[in-house]
């Protein structure tokens, strides 16, 4: 059974219906809601983010990375780039406090890099100075084709089904980057090798 992706027109109709139901149950609630069009300090996230975070934690049993990933994501300006110059704050926001908080957070950042969800480059803040966040749908698809341990068929299929329902077409198709190859290529270029 093939699920047809949601069109923009259908999504608009769904949003209008949901707004009508919300108004039925919570009339005149607008002044008490957070609206990204009216308030500063927002970032855009995929509707599949809860499944993405679940999959990440399943892939890193015993060392969950989802809170670190979400903190990195929330420190972008919708450009998939993060300057890692406030590691203590980001560690705290990720739930890692105390004397070992920043160290624990950096181990989670390294794990995210090892799994190709992000890549990290040196900058003025040190070896972990800047990060780029790759499209998590493409990364998860890459892991699926490479049989990465921890990525279960049930979680992948649930993500795929939800993505199709909302029209996230980056979860389908034949092509996506070789994230291991990108990392190795960039590392060789940094040291002047080919």
N, C-alpha and C. Protein backbone atom coordinates (compact mmCIF):
# COMPACT_ATOMS: atom_id res chain seq x y z
N UNK A 1 0.83 -1.17 0.00
CA UNK A 1 0.00 0.00 0.00
C UNK A 1 0.89 1.24 0.00
N UNK A 2 0.70 2.12 -0.97
CA UNK A 2 1.49 3.33 -1.09
C UNK A 2 0.72 4.50 -0.50
N UNK A 3 1.40 5.28 0.35
CA UNK A 3 0.79 6.47 0.93
C UNK A 3 1.12 7.65 0.05
N UNK A 4 0.07 8.40 -0.33
CA UNK A 4 0.27 9.57 -1.17
C UNK A 4 0.75 10.74 -0.31
N UNK A 5 1.83 11.44 -0.72
CA UNK A 5 2.31 12.58 0.05
C UNK A 5 1.26 13.69 0.14
N UNK A 6 1.29 14.42 1.24
CA UNK A 6 0.38 15.53 1.44
C UNK A 6 0.83 16.70 0.58
N UNK A 7 -0.12 17.29 -0.15
CA UNK A 7 0.20 18.46 -0.97
C UNK A 7 0.12 19.72 -0.12
N UNK A 8 0.64 20.82 -0.64
CA UNK A 8 0.60 22.11 0.07
C UNK A 8 -0.84 22.53 0.31
N UNK A 9 -1.67 22.32 -0.67
CA UNK A 9 -3.10 22.67 -0.56
C UNK A 9 -3.77 21.86 0.55
N UNK A 10 -3.47 20.55 0.58
CA UNK A 10 -4.04 19.70 1.62
C UNK A 10 -3.54 20.10 3.00
N UNK A 11 -2.26 20.43 3.09
CA UNK A 11 -1.69 20.84 4.37
C UNK A 11 -2.36 22.12 4.87
N UNK A 12 -2.64 23.04 3.97
CA UNK A 12 -3.32 24.28 4.34
C UNK A 12 -4.73 24.00 4.84
N UNK A 13 -5.42 23.08 4.19
CA UNK A 13 -6.78 22.71 4.61
C UNK A 13 -6.75 22.05 5.98
N UNK A 14 -5.75 21.19 6.22
CA UNK A 14 -5.62 20.52 7.51
C UNK A 14 -5.37 21.55 8.60
N UNK A 15 -4.47 22.51 8.33
CA UNK A 15 -4.16 23.56 9.32
C UNK A 15 -5.39 24.37 9.66
N UNK A 16 -6.21 24.70 8.67
CA UNK A 16 -7.43 25.47 8.93
C UNK A 16 -8.42 24.68 9.78
N UNK A 17 -8.55 23.40 9.51
CA UNK A 17 -9.45 22.55 10.30
C UNK A 17 -8.96 22.47 11.74
N UNK A 18 -7.65 22.28 11.91
CA UNK A 18 -7.10 22.20 13.26
C UNK A 18 -7.30 23.50 14.01
N UNK A 19 -7.13 24.63 13.34
CA UNK A 19 -7.34 25.93 13.97
C UNK A 19 -8.79 26.08 14.42
N UNK A 20 -9.74 25.62 13.60
CA UNK A 20 -11.15 25.70 13.98
C UNK A 20 -11.44 24.85 15.21
N UNK A 21 -10.85 23.66 15.27
CA UNK A 21 -11.05 22.79 16.44
C UNK A 21 -10.41 23.40 17.68
N UNK A 22 -9.21 23.97 17.50
CA UNK A 22 -8.55 24.63 18.63
C UNK A 22 -9.41 25.77 19.17
N UNK A 23 -9.96 26.58 18.27
CA UNK A 23 -10.82 27.70 18.68
C UNK A 23 -12.07 27.21 19.39
N UNK A 24 -12.57 26.05 18.99
CA UNK A 24 -13.74 25.47 19.65
C UNK A 24 -13.44 25.16 21.11
N UNK A 25 -12.28 24.56 21.35
CA UNK A 25 -11.92 24.14 22.70
C UNK A 25 -11.24 25.23 23.53
N UNK A 26 -10.46 26.09 22.88
CA UNK A 26 -9.72 27.16 23.58
C UNK A 26 -9.94 28.48 22.86
N UNK A 27 -11.15 29.02 22.96
CA UNK A 27 -11.43 30.28 22.24
C UNK A 27 -10.56 31.42 22.78
N UNK A 28 -10.14 32.26 21.86
CA UNK A 28 -9.35 33.47 22.20
C UNK A 28 -8.05 33.14 22.94
N UNK A 29 -7.44 32.03 22.59
CA UNK A 29 -6.18 31.61 23.24
C UNK A 29 -4.96 32.27 22.61
N UNK A 30 -5.09 32.90 21.45
CA UNK A 30 -3.95 33.45 20.72
C UNK A 30 -2.95 34.26 21.55
N UNK A 31 -3.39 35.18 22.43
CA UNK A 31 -2.40 35.97 23.17
C UNK A 31 -1.51 35.14 24.10
N UNK A 32 -1.90 33.92 24.39
CA UNK A 32 -1.18 33.08 25.35
C UNK A 32 -0.36 31.98 24.67
N UNK A 33 -0.27 32.03 23.34
CA UNK A 33 0.45 31.01 22.58
C UNK A 33 1.73 31.58 22.01
N UNK A 34 2.71 30.73 21.83
CA UNK A 34 3.96 31.16 21.22
C UNK A 34 3.80 31.06 19.71
N UNK A 35 4.02 32.16 19.01
CA UNK A 35 3.86 32.23 17.57
C UNK A 35 5.16 32.70 16.95
N UNK A 36 5.77 31.87 16.12
CA UNK A 36 7.07 32.23 15.55
C UNK A 36 7.01 33.45 14.66
N UNK A 37 5.82 33.78 14.16
CA UNK A 37 5.67 34.97 13.32
C UNK A 37 5.64 36.24 14.17
N UNK A 38 5.29 36.10 15.43
CA UNK A 38 5.17 37.27 16.30
C UNK A 38 6.31 37.39 17.31
N UNK A 39 7.01 36.32 17.59
CA UNK A 39 8.06 36.33 18.61
C UNK A 39 9.40 35.97 17.99
N UNK A 40 10.45 36.52 18.53
CA UNK A 40 11.80 36.20 18.07
C UNK A 40 12.31 34.95 18.79
N UNK A 41 13.37 34.39 18.24
CA UNK A 41 14.00 33.25 18.90
C UNK A 41 13.39 31.92 18.52
N UNK A 42 13.27 31.65 17.23
CA UNK A 42 12.70 30.38 16.80
C UNK A 42 13.67 29.68 15.85
N UNK A 43 13.43 28.41 15.68
CA UNK A 43 14.13 27.64 14.66
C UNK A 43 13.10 26.72 14.02
N UNK A 44 13.37 26.27 12.83
CA UNK A 44 12.46 25.38 12.13
C UNK A 44 12.93 23.94 12.34
N UNK A 45 12.00 23.06 12.69
CA UNK A 45 12.36 21.65 12.84
C UNK A 45 11.40 20.80 12.00
N UNK A 46 11.87 19.65 11.55
CA UNK A 46 10.96 18.76 10.82
C UNK A 46 9.91 18.17 11.76
N UNK A 47 8.74 17.94 11.24
CA UNK A 47 7.68 17.31 12.04
C UNK A 47 8.06 15.89 12.46
N UNK A 48 9.05 15.34 11.82
CA UNK A 48 9.52 14.00 12.15
C UNK A 48 10.55 13.99 13.27
N UNK A 49 10.87 15.15 13.83
CA UNK A 49 11.94 15.24 14.82
C UNK A 49 11.80 14.24 15.98
N UNK A 50 10.61 14.04 16.56
CA UNK A 50 10.53 13.05 17.65
C UNK A 50 11.02 11.66 17.24
N UNK A 51 10.67 11.23 16.02
CA UNK A 51 11.14 9.91 15.55
C UNK A 51 12.64 9.93 15.28
N UNK A 52 13.14 11.04 14.74
CA UNK A 52 14.58 11.16 14.49
C UNK A 52 15.35 11.02 15.80
N UNK A 53 14.89 11.72 16.83
CA UNK A 53 15.56 11.68 18.14
C UNK A 53 15.50 10.28 18.74
N UNK A 54 14.36 9.61 18.59
CA UNK A 54 14.21 8.24 19.10
C UNK A 54 15.20 7.31 18.41
N UNK A 55 15.30 7.44 17.09
CA UNK A 55 16.22 6.59 16.33
C UNK A 55 17.66 6.83 16.76
N UNK A 56 18.04 8.09 16.95
CA UNK A 56 19.40 8.40 17.39
C UNK A 56 19.72 7.71 18.71
N UNK A 57 18.79 7.80 19.65
CA UNK A 57 19.03 7.18 20.96
C UNK A 57 19.08 5.67 20.87
N UNK A 58 18.30 5.08 19.96
CA UNK A 58 18.37 3.63 19.76
C UNK A 58 19.73 3.22 19.18
N UNK A 59 20.31 4.09 18.37
CA UNK A 59 21.60 3.81 17.75
C UNK A 59 22.77 4.00 18.71
N UNK A 60 22.52 4.67 19.83
CA UNK A 60 23.59 4.96 20.79
C UNK A 60 23.20 4.48 22.17
N UNK A 61 22.76 3.25 22.26
CA UNK A 61 22.31 2.68 23.54
C UNK A 61 23.29 2.99 24.66
N UNK A 62 22.75 3.45 25.78
CA UNK A 62 23.58 3.75 26.94
C UNK A 62 24.21 5.13 26.93
N UNK A 63 24.20 5.80 25.80
CA UNK A 63 24.75 7.15 25.70
C UNK A 63 23.85 7.97 24.79
N UNK A 64 22.64 8.29 25.24
CA UNK A 64 21.68 8.99 24.37
C UNK A 64 22.22 10.34 23.89
N UNK A 65 21.99 10.62 22.60
CA UNK A 65 22.51 11.84 22.00
C UNK A 65 21.41 12.83 21.62
N UNK A 66 20.16 12.45 21.80
CA UNK A 66 19.06 13.28 21.30
C UNK A 66 19.01 14.67 21.92
N UNK A 67 19.26 14.79 23.21
CA UNK A 67 19.20 16.11 23.84
C UNK A 67 20.34 17.00 23.33
N UNK A 68 21.49 16.42 23.07
CA UNK A 68 22.62 17.17 22.51
C UNK A 68 22.29 17.63 21.10
N UNK A 69 21.71 16.75 20.30
CA UNK A 69 21.34 17.08 18.92
C UNK A 69 20.31 18.21 18.90
N UNK A 70 19.29 18.08 19.74
CA UNK A 70 18.25 19.11 19.76
C UNK A 70 18.81 20.46 20.21
N UNK A 71 19.73 20.44 21.16
CA UNK A 71 20.37 21.68 21.61
C UNK A 71 21.17 22.31 20.47
N UNK A 72 21.92 21.48 19.74
CA UNK A 72 22.66 22.00 18.58
C UNK A 72 21.69 22.61 17.57
N UNK A 73 20.62 21.89 17.27
CA UNK A 73 19.64 22.35 16.29
C UNK A 73 19.05 23.70 16.72
N UNK A 74 18.75 23.83 18.00
CA UNK A 74 18.14 25.07 18.50
C UNK A 74 19.13 26.22 18.60
N UNK A 75 20.40 25.95 18.35
CA UNK A 75 21.41 27.01 18.34
C UNK A 75 21.81 27.41 16.92
N UNK A 76 21.06 26.96 15.93
CA UNK A 76 21.30 27.41 14.56
C UNK A 76 20.40 28.62 14.28
N UNK A 77 20.65 29.28 13.18
CA UNK A 77 19.79 30.36 12.72
C UNK A 77 19.13 29.91 11.42
N UNK A 78 18.57 28.71 11.46
CA UNK A 78 17.95 28.09 10.28
C UNK A 78 18.93 27.97 9.11
N UNK A 79 20.21 27.74 9.43
CA UNK A 79 21.21 27.57 8.39
C UNK A 79 22.05 26.30 8.58
N UNK A 80 21.64 25.46 9.52
CA UNK A 80 22.31 24.18 9.79
C UNK A 80 23.75 24.34 10.27
N UNK A 81 24.12 25.49 10.78
CA UNK A 81 25.47 25.78 11.23
C UNK A 81 25.44 26.26 12.68
N UNK A 82 26.37 25.76 13.49
CA UNK A 82 26.44 26.14 14.91
C UNK A 82 27.88 26.48 15.26
N UNK A 83 28.07 27.63 15.89
CA UNK A 83 29.37 27.97 16.46
C UNK A 83 29.38 27.40 17.88
N UNK A 84 30.37 26.57 18.16
CA UNK A 84 30.44 25.89 19.46
C UNK A 84 31.31 26.69 20.44
N UNK A 85 30.84 27.87 20.78
CA UNK A 85 31.61 28.73 21.66
C UNK A 85 30.98 28.90 23.04
N UNK A 86 29.88 28.21 23.28
CA UNK A 86 29.22 28.25 24.59
C UNK A 86 28.91 26.83 25.05
N UNK A 87 29.95 26.00 25.05
CA UNK A 87 29.77 24.58 25.33
C UNK A 87 29.17 24.32 26.71
N UNK A 88 29.56 25.09 27.71
CA UNK A 88 29.01 24.91 29.05
C UNK A 88 27.51 25.15 29.07
N UNK A 89 27.06 26.21 28.39
CA UNK A 89 25.62 26.50 28.30
C UNK A 89 24.88 25.40 27.54
N UNK A 90 25.48 24.98 26.42
CA UNK A 90 24.83 23.94 25.61
C UNK A 90 24.81 22.61 26.35
N UNK A 91 25.86 22.32 27.11
CA UNK A 91 25.88 21.10 27.92
C UNK A 91 24.75 21.14 28.95
N UNK A 92 24.61 22.26 29.61
CA UNK A 92 23.55 22.42 30.60
C UNK A 92 22.17 22.28 29.97
N UNK A 93 21.97 22.92 28.82
CA UNK A 93 20.68 22.82 28.12
C UNK A 93 20.38 21.40 27.68
N UNK A 94 21.43 20.62 27.45
CA UNK A 94 21.27 19.22 27.04
C UNK A 94 21.05 18.29 28.21
N UNK A 95 21.15 18.83 29.44
CA UNK A 95 20.91 18.03 30.63
C UNK A 95 22.17 17.53 31.31
N UNK A 96 23.33 18.05 30.91
CA UNK A 96 24.60 17.61 31.49
C UNK A 96 25.16 18.74 32.34
N UNK A 97 25.13 18.58 33.64
CA UNK A 97 25.63 19.60 34.55
C UNK A 97 26.78 19.08 35.39
N UNK A 98 27.19 19.87 36.32
CA UNK A 98 28.26 19.44 37.22
C UNK A 98 29.62 19.53 36.58
N UNK A 99 30.60 18.96 37.29
CA UNK A 99 31.99 19.05 36.84
C UNK A 99 32.24 18.33 35.52
N UNK A 100 31.54 17.25 35.27
CA UNK A 100 31.77 16.47 34.06
C UNK A 100 30.77 16.78 32.95
N UNK A 101 29.91 17.76 33.18
CA UNK A 101 28.86 18.08 32.23
C UNK A 101 29.35 18.40 30.83
N UNK A 102 30.32 19.31 30.76
CA UNK A 102 30.83 19.71 29.44
C UNK A 102 31.56 18.56 28.76
N UNK A 103 32.31 17.77 29.54
CA UNK A 103 33.01 16.60 28.99
C UNK A 103 32.00 15.60 28.42
N UNK A 104 30.95 15.32 29.19
CA UNK A 104 29.92 14.38 28.73
C UNK A 104 29.27 14.89 27.45
N UNK A 105 28.97 16.17 27.44
CA UNK A 105 28.34 16.78 26.26
C UNK A 105 29.24 16.64 25.04
N UNK A 106 30.53 16.89 25.20
CA UNK A 106 31.46 16.78 24.07
C UNK A 106 31.56 15.34 23.57
N UNK A 107 31.45 14.34 24.48
CA UNK A 107 31.45 12.95 24.01
C UNK A 107 30.22 12.66 23.17
N UNK A 108 29.09 13.29 23.52
CA UNK A 108 27.86 13.12 22.72
C UNK A 108 28.01 13.82 21.36
N UNK A 109 28.65 14.97 21.34
CA UNK A 109 28.92 15.66 20.07
C UNK A 109 29.78 14.77 19.19
N UNK A 110 30.82 14.16 19.76
CA UNK A 110 31.69 13.25 19.00
C UNK A 110 30.90 12.07 18.45
N UNK A 111 29.98 11.54 19.25
CA UNK A 111 29.17 10.41 18.81
C UNK A 111 28.27 10.81 17.65
N UNK A 112 27.67 12.00 17.73
CA UNK A 112 26.86 12.51 16.62
C UNK A 112 27.69 12.66 15.35
N UNK A 113 28.95 13.07 15.52
CA UNK A 113 29.85 13.19 14.38
C UNK A 113 30.20 11.81 13.82
N UNK A 114 30.48 10.86 14.69
CA UNK A 114 30.79 9.50 14.25
C UNK A 114 29.64 8.88 13.46
N UNK A 115 28.41 9.24 13.83
CA UNK A 115 27.23 8.71 13.15
C UNK A 115 26.80 9.59 11.96
N UNK A 116 27.59 10.62 11.66
CA UNK A 116 27.38 11.51 10.51
C UNK A 116 26.13 12.38 10.60
N UNK A 117 25.54 12.53 11.79
CA UNK A 117 24.42 13.46 11.92
C UNK A 117 24.92 14.90 11.87
N UNK A 118 26.18 15.09 12.28
CA UNK A 118 26.82 16.40 12.22
C UNK A 118 28.25 16.20 11.75
N UNK A 119 28.90 17.30 11.41
CA UNK A 119 30.34 17.29 11.23
C UNK A 119 30.88 18.47 12.01
N UNK A 120 32.07 18.33 12.54
CA UNK A 120 32.66 19.35 13.40
C UNK A 120 34.02 19.74 12.83
N UNK A 121 34.31 21.03 12.88
CA UNK A 121 35.60 21.55 12.42
C UNK A 121 36.19 22.46 13.49
N UNK A 122 37.52 22.58 13.51
CA UNK A 122 38.16 23.50 14.46
C UNK A 122 37.80 24.94 14.14
N UNK A 123 37.85 25.75 15.16
CA UNK A 123 37.60 27.18 15.01
C UNK A 123 38.27 27.92 16.15
N UNK A 124 37.91 29.16 16.34
CA UNK A 124 38.57 29.95 17.38
C UNK A 124 38.29 29.43 18.78
N UNK A 125 37.26 28.57 18.91
CA UNK A 125 36.94 27.99 20.22
C UNK A 125 37.66 26.67 20.47
N UNK A 126 38.47 26.22 19.51
CA UNK A 126 39.22 24.98 19.70
C UNK A 126 38.89 23.94 18.65
N UNK A 127 39.26 22.68 18.94
CA UNK A 127 39.05 21.60 17.98
C UNK A 127 37.58 21.40 17.63
N UNK A 128 36.72 21.64 18.58
CA UNK A 128 35.29 21.56 18.34
C UNK A 128 34.73 22.98 18.33
N UNK A 129 35.06 23.72 17.27
CA UNK A 129 34.68 25.13 17.21
C UNK A 129 33.44 25.41 16.40
N UNK A 130 33.17 24.59 15.37
CA UNK A 130 32.03 24.81 14.47
C UNK A 130 31.42 23.48 14.10
N UNK A 131 30.11 23.49 13.90
CA UNK A 131 29.43 22.25 13.52
C UNK A 131 28.42 22.53 12.41
N UNK A 132 28.26 21.55 11.54
CA UNK A 132 27.21 21.59 10.54
C UNK A 132 26.28 20.42 10.83
N UNK A 133 25.00 20.63 10.66
CA UNK A 133 24.00 19.59 10.90
C UNK A 133 23.48 19.13 9.55
N UNK A 134 23.77 17.87 9.23
CA UNK A 134 23.30 17.31 7.96
C UNK A 134 21.80 17.01 8.05
N UNK A 135 21.15 16.90 6.92
CA UNK A 135 19.73 16.55 6.86
C UNK A 135 19.55 15.17 7.53
N UNK A 136 18.85 15.09 8.67
CA UNK A 136 18.77 13.82 9.39
C UNK A 136 18.04 12.74 8.62
N UNK A 137 17.11 13.10 7.74
CA UNK A 137 16.42 12.10 6.93
C UNK A 137 17.43 11.39 6.03
N UNK A 138 18.30 12.17 5.40
CA UNK A 138 19.30 11.57 4.51
C UNK A 138 20.30 10.72 5.28
N UNK A 139 20.69 11.18 6.46
CA UNK A 139 21.64 10.42 7.28
C UNK A 139 21.03 9.08 7.70
N UNK A 140 19.79 9.12 8.14
CA UNK A 140 19.13 7.88 8.57
C UNK A 140 18.97 6.93 7.40
N UNK A 141 18.64 7.44 6.22
CA UNK A 141 18.56 6.58 5.03
C UNK A 141 19.92 5.96 4.73
N UNK A 142 21.00 6.75 4.89
CA UNK A 142 22.35 6.24 4.66
C UNK A 142 22.63 5.10 5.63
N UNK A 143 22.28 5.28 6.91
CA UNK A 143 22.50 4.22 7.90
C UNK A 143 21.68 2.98 7.56
N UNK A 144 20.49 3.18 7.06
CA UNK A 144 19.63 2.04 6.68
C UNK A 144 20.32 1.20 5.60
N UNK A 145 20.88 1.86 4.60
CA UNK A 145 21.53 1.10 3.52
C UNK A 145 22.82 0.44 3.98
N UNK A 146 23.44 0.96 5.04
CA UNK A 146 24.68 0.40 5.55
C UNK A 146 24.47 -0.54 6.73
N UNK A 147 23.22 -0.76 7.12
CA UNK A 147 22.92 -1.72 8.19
C UNK A 147 23.52 -1.35 9.54
N UNK A 148 23.52 -0.07 9.85
CA UNK A 148 24.10 0.39 11.12
C UNK A 148 23.37 -0.24 12.30
N UNK A 149 24.10 -0.83 13.24
CA UNK A 149 23.46 -1.43 14.42
C UNK A 149 22.65 -0.39 15.20
N UNK A 150 21.51 -0.84 15.72
CA UNK A 150 20.65 0.03 16.51
C UNK A 150 19.52 0.65 15.71
N UNK A 151 19.67 0.73 14.39
CA UNK A 151 18.60 1.27 13.55
C UNK A 151 17.67 0.11 13.21
N UNK A 152 16.52 0.08 13.88
CA UNK A 152 15.60 -1.04 13.70
C UNK A 152 14.67 -0.79 12.52
N UNK A 153 14.21 -1.88 11.93
CA UNK A 153 13.26 -1.78 10.82
C UNK A 153 11.97 -1.10 11.27
N UNK A 154 11.52 -1.40 12.48
CA UNK A 154 10.26 -0.82 12.94
C UNK A 154 10.37 0.70 13.10
N UNK A 155 11.46 1.18 13.66
CA UNK A 155 11.63 2.63 13.82
C UNK A 155 11.82 3.31 12.47
N UNK A 156 12.61 2.70 11.60
CA UNK A 156 12.81 3.28 10.27
C UNK A 156 11.50 3.36 9.51
N UNK A 157 10.73 2.27 9.53
CA UNK A 157 9.46 2.25 8.81
C UNK A 157 8.47 3.26 9.39
N UNK A 158 8.46 3.42 10.71
CA UNK A 158 7.57 4.41 11.33
C UNK A 158 7.95 5.82 10.87
N UNK A 159 9.26 6.10 10.82
CA UNK A 159 9.73 7.40 10.33
C UNK A 159 9.34 7.59 8.87
N UNK A 160 9.56 6.58 8.06
CA UNK A 160 9.25 6.66 6.64
C UNK A 160 7.75 6.90 6.42
N UNK A 161 6.91 6.18 7.13
CA UNK A 161 5.47 6.35 6.98
C UNK A 161 5.03 7.76 7.37
N UNK A 162 5.55 8.25 8.50
CA UNK A 162 5.19 9.60 8.94
C UNK A 162 5.69 10.64 7.93
N UNK A 163 6.90 10.45 7.43
CA UNK A 163 7.45 11.38 6.44
C UNK A 163 6.58 11.42 5.19
N UNK A 164 6.13 10.26 4.74
CA UNK A 164 5.27 10.22 3.56
C UNK A 164 3.93 10.89 3.83
N UNK A 165 3.39 10.71 5.03
CA UNK A 165 2.12 11.35 5.37
C UNK A 165 2.20 12.87 5.31
N UNK A 166 3.35 13.42 5.70
CA UNK A 166 3.47 14.88 5.73
C UNK A 166 4.13 15.44 4.47
N UNK A 167 4.49 14.57 3.55
CA UNK A 167 5.05 15.02 2.29
C UNK A 167 6.55 15.27 2.30
N UNK A 168 7.28 14.70 3.26
CA UNK A 168 8.74 14.87 3.33
C UNK A 168 9.39 13.94 2.31
N UNK A 169 9.61 14.46 1.13
CA UNK A 169 10.09 13.63 0.03
C UNK A 169 11.57 13.28 0.10
N UNK A 170 12.30 13.87 1.04
CA UNK A 170 13.71 13.52 1.18
C UNK A 170 13.90 12.15 1.84
N UNK A 171 12.82 11.52 2.25
CA UNK A 171 12.90 10.16 2.81
C UNK A 171 12.75 9.10 1.73
N UNK A 172 12.52 9.53 0.49
CA UNK A 172 12.39 8.58 -0.61
C UNK A 172 13.35 8.98 -1.72
N UNK A 173 13.47 8.14 -2.70
CA UNK A 173 14.37 8.43 -3.81
C UNK A 173 15.57 7.52 -3.77
N UNK A 174 16.33 7.55 -4.83
CA UNK A 174 17.46 6.65 -4.96
C UNK A 174 18.78 7.26 -4.52
N UNK A 175 18.86 8.58 -4.49
CA UNK A 175 20.15 9.20 -4.24
C UNK A 175 20.19 9.95 -2.91
N UNK A 176 21.32 9.81 -2.26
CA UNK A 176 21.64 10.60 -1.07
C UNK A 176 23.15 10.53 -0.90
N UNK A 177 23.73 11.50 -0.19
CA UNK A 177 25.20 11.55 -0.08
C UNK A 177 25.78 10.36 0.66
N UNK A 178 27.03 10.09 0.35
CA UNK A 178 27.81 9.11 1.12
C UNK A 178 28.48 9.89 2.24
N UNK A 179 27.84 9.91 3.41
CA UNK A 179 28.32 10.74 4.50
C UNK A 179 29.72 10.34 4.97
N UNK A 180 30.04 9.05 4.92
CA UNK A 180 31.40 8.63 5.30
C UNK A 180 32.39 9.19 4.30
N UNK A 181 32.05 9.16 3.04
CA UNK A 181 32.93 9.70 2.00
C UNK A 181 33.12 11.19 2.12
N UNK A 182 32.05 11.93 2.44
CA UNK A 182 32.15 13.38 2.61
C UNK A 182 33.11 13.69 3.75
N UNK A 183 32.97 13.00 4.87
CA UNK A 183 33.83 13.25 6.02
C UNK A 183 35.29 12.98 5.69
N UNK A 184 35.57 11.86 5.04
CA UNK A 184 36.95 11.50 4.71
C UNK A 184 37.54 12.48 3.70
N UNK A 185 36.75 12.89 2.70
CA UNK A 185 37.22 13.82 1.68
C UNK A 185 37.60 15.15 2.32
N UNK A 186 36.74 15.67 3.17
CA UNK A 186 36.99 16.95 3.81
C UNK A 186 38.22 16.86 4.71
N UNK A 187 38.36 15.75 5.44
CA UNK A 187 39.52 15.59 6.33
C UNK A 187 40.82 15.56 5.54
N UNK A 188 40.84 14.88 4.39
CA UNK A 188 42.05 14.83 3.56
C UNK A 188 42.38 16.21 3.01
N UNK A 189 41.37 16.96 2.58
CA UNK A 189 41.58 18.30 2.02
C UNK A 189 42.17 19.23 3.08
N UNK A 190 41.76 19.06 4.34
CA UNK A 190 42.26 19.92 5.40
C UNK A 190 43.76 19.78 5.59
N UNK A 191 44.28 18.59 5.38
CA UNK A 191 45.72 18.37 5.56
C UNK A 191 46.49 18.39 4.23
N UNK A 192 45.81 18.80 3.17
CA UNK A 192 46.46 18.97 1.89
C UNK A 192 46.69 17.69 1.12
N UNK A 193 45.93 16.62 1.40
CA UNK A 193 46.07 15.37 0.68
C UNK A 193 44.95 15.24 -0.34
N UNK A 194 45.12 14.34 -1.28
CA UNK A 194 44.05 14.07 -2.25
C UNK A 194 43.78 12.59 -2.29
